[in-house]
């Protein structure tokens, strides 16, 4: 009897986990057409996350598709920004293009695995971004932690630099066309909506 009960509990847990973490599909077509909007900031006060100083560098508004999610638990920045998400917009929000590539993340960066690029590679890179996310409230941090691949989200906040008293600094990219290890955006999120 106990074995049957344990089996049922494990089965229900597995179904629940699959149901709440499965990727969201939309079918063919661009679901997030616009590139992120970025503007300069003036006279914005520095903010703090615990004892880490947050310096706003630009305002950003983003409506994009979640292409990949990676959580970090033990690196230098994991307390500040435990989740990195690769976002795509324009042609990189179209499932037709995404079905032929894999987006991989490691070491706070990302890359593509594919046989044949569905669109020219420069266009792929200029319509995606790896973002280190900082929720300004616990509610936003919880939302980030529950995001799923394929969801369309809208984010409003700041691109920021972070300075920790331990001596490390994390700087944001201010360009959507750079590539490589230091090309990620560090985003202070003031609002996050799942569309």
Protein backbone atom coordinates (compact mmCIF):
# COMPACT_ATOMS: atom_id res chain seq x y z
CA UNK A 1 0.00 0.00 0.00
CA UNK A 2 2.79 2.42 0.93
CA UNK A 3 4.57 1.73 -2.39
CA UNK A 4 1.40 2.54 -4.35
CA UNK A 5 0.88 5.77 -2.41
CA UNK A 6 4.52 6.81 -2.95
CA UNK A 7 4.18 6.04 -6.68
CA UNK A 8 1.04 8.20 -6.92
CA UNK A 9 2.71 11.09 -5.05
CA UNK A 10 5.79 10.92 -7.32
CA UNK A 11 3.62 10.70 -10.43
CA UNK A 12 1.55 13.72 -9.39
CA UNK A 13 4.72 15.64 -8.56
CA UNK A 14 6.19 14.82 -11.96
CA UNK A 15 3.03 15.89 -13.79
CA UNK A 16 2.88 19.14 -11.79
CA UNK A 17 6.57 19.89 -12.49
CA UNK A 18 6.13 19.25 -16.22
CA UNK A 19 2.95 21.32 -16.39
CA UNK A 20 4.49 24.33 -14.63
CA UNK A 21 7.86 24.29 -16.42
CA UNK A 22 7.00 23.17 -19.96
CA UNK A 23 7.94 25.59 -22.76
CA UNK A 24 5.20 27.84 -24.14
CA UNK A 25 4.55 27.57 -27.90
CA UNK A 26 2.97 30.15 -30.17
CA UNK A 27 3.16 28.68 -33.66
CA UNK A 28 4.75 30.38 -36.68
CA UNK A 29 5.13 34.14 -36.78
CA UNK A 30 6.86 36.98 -34.97
CA UNK A 31 5.38 37.40 -31.48
CA UNK A 32 7.62 40.24 -30.23
CA UNK A 33 8.25 42.52 -33.22
CA UNK A 34 9.95 45.55 -31.66
CA UNK A 35 13.54 45.97 -30.57
CA UNK A 36 14.19 47.10 -26.97
CA UNK A 37 13.77 50.83 -26.36
CA UNK A 38 16.69 52.44 -24.57
CA UNK A 39 17.11 56.05 -23.46
CA UNK A 40 19.61 58.06 -21.46
CA UNK A 41 19.08 58.74 -17.78
CA UNK A 42 19.56 62.05 -16.03
CA UNK A 43 19.76 62.74 -12.30
CA UNK A 44 18.72 59.21 -11.30
CA UNK A 45 19.91 58.36 -7.83
CA UNK A 46 22.05 55.33 -7.19
CA UNK A 47 20.17 52.39 -5.72
CA UNK A 48 21.20 49.54 -3.47
CA UNK A 49 20.62 45.82 -3.35
CA UNK A 50 21.68 44.77 0.14
CA UNK A 51 25.17 46.34 0.33
CA UNK A 52 25.74 46.42 -3.45
CA UNK A 53 25.60 49.84 -5.12
CA UNK A 54 23.49 49.96 -8.31
CA UNK A 55 24.29 52.73 -10.80
CA UNK A 56 21.67 53.36 -13.54
CA UNK A 57 23.21 53.87 -17.00
CA UNK A 58 20.10 53.87 -19.26
CA UNK A 59 16.36 53.28 -19.16
CA UNK A 60 15.15 50.17 -20.97
CA UNK A 61 11.76 48.84 -22.05
CA UNK A 62 11.72 45.36 -23.53
CA UNK A 63 8.99 43.17 -24.96
CA UNK A 64 10.57 39.88 -25.94
CA UNK A 65 10.32 36.11 -25.99
CA UNK A 66 12.17 33.98 -23.45
CA UNK A 67 14.58 31.78 -25.44
CA UNK A 68 16.59 30.23 -22.61
CA UNK A 69 16.88 30.43 -18.82
CA UNK A 70 19.89 29.66 -16.65
CA UNK A 71 20.03 29.89 -12.87
CA UNK A 72 23.33 30.42 -11.05
CA UNK A 73 23.74 29.47 -7.41
CA UNK A 74 27.40 29.66 -6.49
CA UNK A 75 29.20 32.23 -8.64
CA UNK A 76 30.27 35.70 -7.52
CA UNK A 77 27.11 37.39 -8.78
CA UNK A 78 24.45 34.82 -7.84
CA UNK A 79 23.18 36.70 -4.79
CA UNK A 80 22.57 39.85 -6.85
CA UNK A 81 21.42 38.23 -10.09
CA UNK A 82 20.69 34.52 -9.80
CA UNK A 83 18.94 34.23 -13.18
CA UNK A 84 20.14 34.95 -16.70
CA UNK A 85 17.61 34.92 -19.52
CA UNK A 86 18.28 35.04 -23.25
CA UNK A 87 15.55 37.13 -24.87
CA UNK A 88 14.66 37.29 -28.56
CA UNK A 89 12.61 39.76 -30.58
CA UNK A 90 11.81 40.32 -34.25
CA UNK A 91 12.81 37.26 -36.28
CA UNK A 92 14.24 35.66 -33.14
CA UNK A 93 10.76 35.54 -31.61
CA UNK A 94 9.42 33.53 -34.57
CA UNK A 95 9.01 29.83 -33.77
CA UNK A 96 9.76 28.95 -37.39
CA UNK A 97 13.33 30.23 -36.92
CA UNK A 98 13.70 28.94 -33.36
CA UNK A 99 12.77 25.35 -34.26
CA UNK A 100 16.11 24.88 -36.04
CA UNK A 101 18.46 26.21 -33.34
CA UNK A 102 19.35 25.52 -29.72
CA UNK A 103 20.21 28.41 -27.41
CA UNK A 104 22.80 27.38 -24.82
CA UNK A 105 23.99 29.30 -21.76
CA UNK A 106 27.09 28.90 -19.63
CA UNK A 107 29.50 31.09 -17.70
CA UNK A 108 27.11 34.09 -17.84
CA UNK A 109 27.05 34.08 -21.65
CA UNK A 110 25.21 32.27 -24.46
CA UNK A 111 25.71 30.76 -27.88
CA UNK A 112 23.74 29.02 -30.63
CA UNK A 113 23.89 25.40 -31.72
CA UNK A 114 22.54 24.77 -35.23
CA UNK A 115 23.20 22.98 -38.47
CA UNK A 116 22.08 25.76 -40.80
CA UNK A 117 21.28 29.27 -39.55
CA UNK A 118 17.59 30.03 -40.19
CA UNK A 119 18.49 33.68 -40.84
CA UNK A 120 21.88 35.40 -41.28
CA UNK A 121 23.93 35.06 -38.08
CA UNK A 122 24.51 38.82 -37.60
CA UNK A 123 20.72 39.22 -37.56
CA UNK A 124 20.41 36.40 -35.01
CA UNK A 125 22.87 38.11 -32.69
CA UNK A 126 21.36 41.58 -33.09
CA UNK A 127 17.89 40.29 -32.18
CA UNK A 128 18.90 38.45 -29.00
CA UNK A 129 20.42 39.42 -25.69
CA UNK A 130 21.60 37.63 -22.56
CA UNK A 131 20.37 39.60 -19.57
CA UNK A 132 21.41 39.30 -15.93
CA UNK A 133 18.21 40.16 -14.08
CA UNK A 134 17.83 41.98 -10.75
CA UNK A 135 14.31 42.21 -9.39
CA UNK A 136 13.72 45.46 -7.51
CA UNK A 137 11.14 43.73 -5.28
CA UNK A 138 10.62 40.21 -3.94
CA UNK A 139 7.49 39.87 -6.09
CA UNK A 140 9.50 40.60 -9.25
CA UNK A 141 12.27 38.22 -8.14
CA UNK A 142 9.61 35.52 -7.69
CA UNK A 143 8.19 36.22 -11.17
CA UNK A 144 11.67 35.94 -12.71
CA UNK A 145 12.18 32.64 -10.92
CA UNK A 146 8.96 31.25 -12.40
CA UNK A 147 9.44 32.30 -16.03
CA UNK A 148 9.28 29.62 -18.72
CA UNK A 149 10.90 29.30 -22.11
CA UNK A 150 8.61 30.66 -24.83
CA UNK A 151 6.78 33.19 -22.67
CA UNK A 152 6.42 36.76 -23.91
CA UNK A 153 7.36 39.27 -21.24
CA UNK A 154 7.48 43.02 -20.92
CA UNK A 155 10.17 44.51 -18.72
CA UNK A 156 10.68 48.12 -17.69
CA UNK A 157 13.68 49.26 -15.71
CA UNK A 158 17.30 50.32 -16.00
CA UNK A 159 20.51 49.02 -17.47
CA UNK A 160 22.89 49.29 -14.54
CA UNK A 161 26.38 48.74 -13.24
CA UNK A 162 26.88 47.10 -9.86
CA UNK A 163 29.69 47.74 -7.37
CA UNK A 164 30.11 45.42 -4.39
CA UNK A 165 32.06 46.23 -1.21
CA UNK A 166 34.04 43.01 -1.73
CA UNK A 167 35.68 44.75 -4.71
CA UNK A 168 33.94 43.22 -7.71
CA UNK A 169 32.10 45.21 -10.38
CA UNK A 170 29.53 44.01 -12.90
CA UNK A 171 28.99 46.30 -15.89
CA UNK A 172 26.09 46.33 -18.33
CA UNK A 173 26.32 46.39 -22.07
CA UNK A 174 24.60 49.39 -23.64
CA UNK A 175 24.45 47.87 -27.13
CA UNK A 176 22.29 45.17 -28.71
CA UNK A 177 24.88 44.36 -31.36
CA UNK A 178 27.92 43.37 -29.31
CA UNK A 179 28.89 39.70 -28.94
CA UNK A 180 30.94 37.82 -26.37
CA UNK A 181 31.46 37.42 -22.67
CA UNK A 182 31.11 41.10 -21.72
CA UNK A 183 28.13 41.81 -23.99
CA UNK A 184 25.35 40.96 -21.52
CA UNK A 185 22.95 43.49 -20.08
CA UNK A 186 22.57 43.91 -16.31
CA UNK A 187 18.91 44.88 -15.81
CA UNK A 188 17.30 46.40 -12.72
CA UNK A 189 13.63 45.48 -13.20
CA UNK A 190 10.98 47.90 -11.94
CA UNK A 191 8.09 46.05 -13.58
CA UNK A 192 7.67 42.66 -15.26
CA UNK A 193 4.52 41.45 -17.02
CA UNK A 194 3.86 38.13 -18.72
CA UNK A 195 1.84 38.85 -21.88
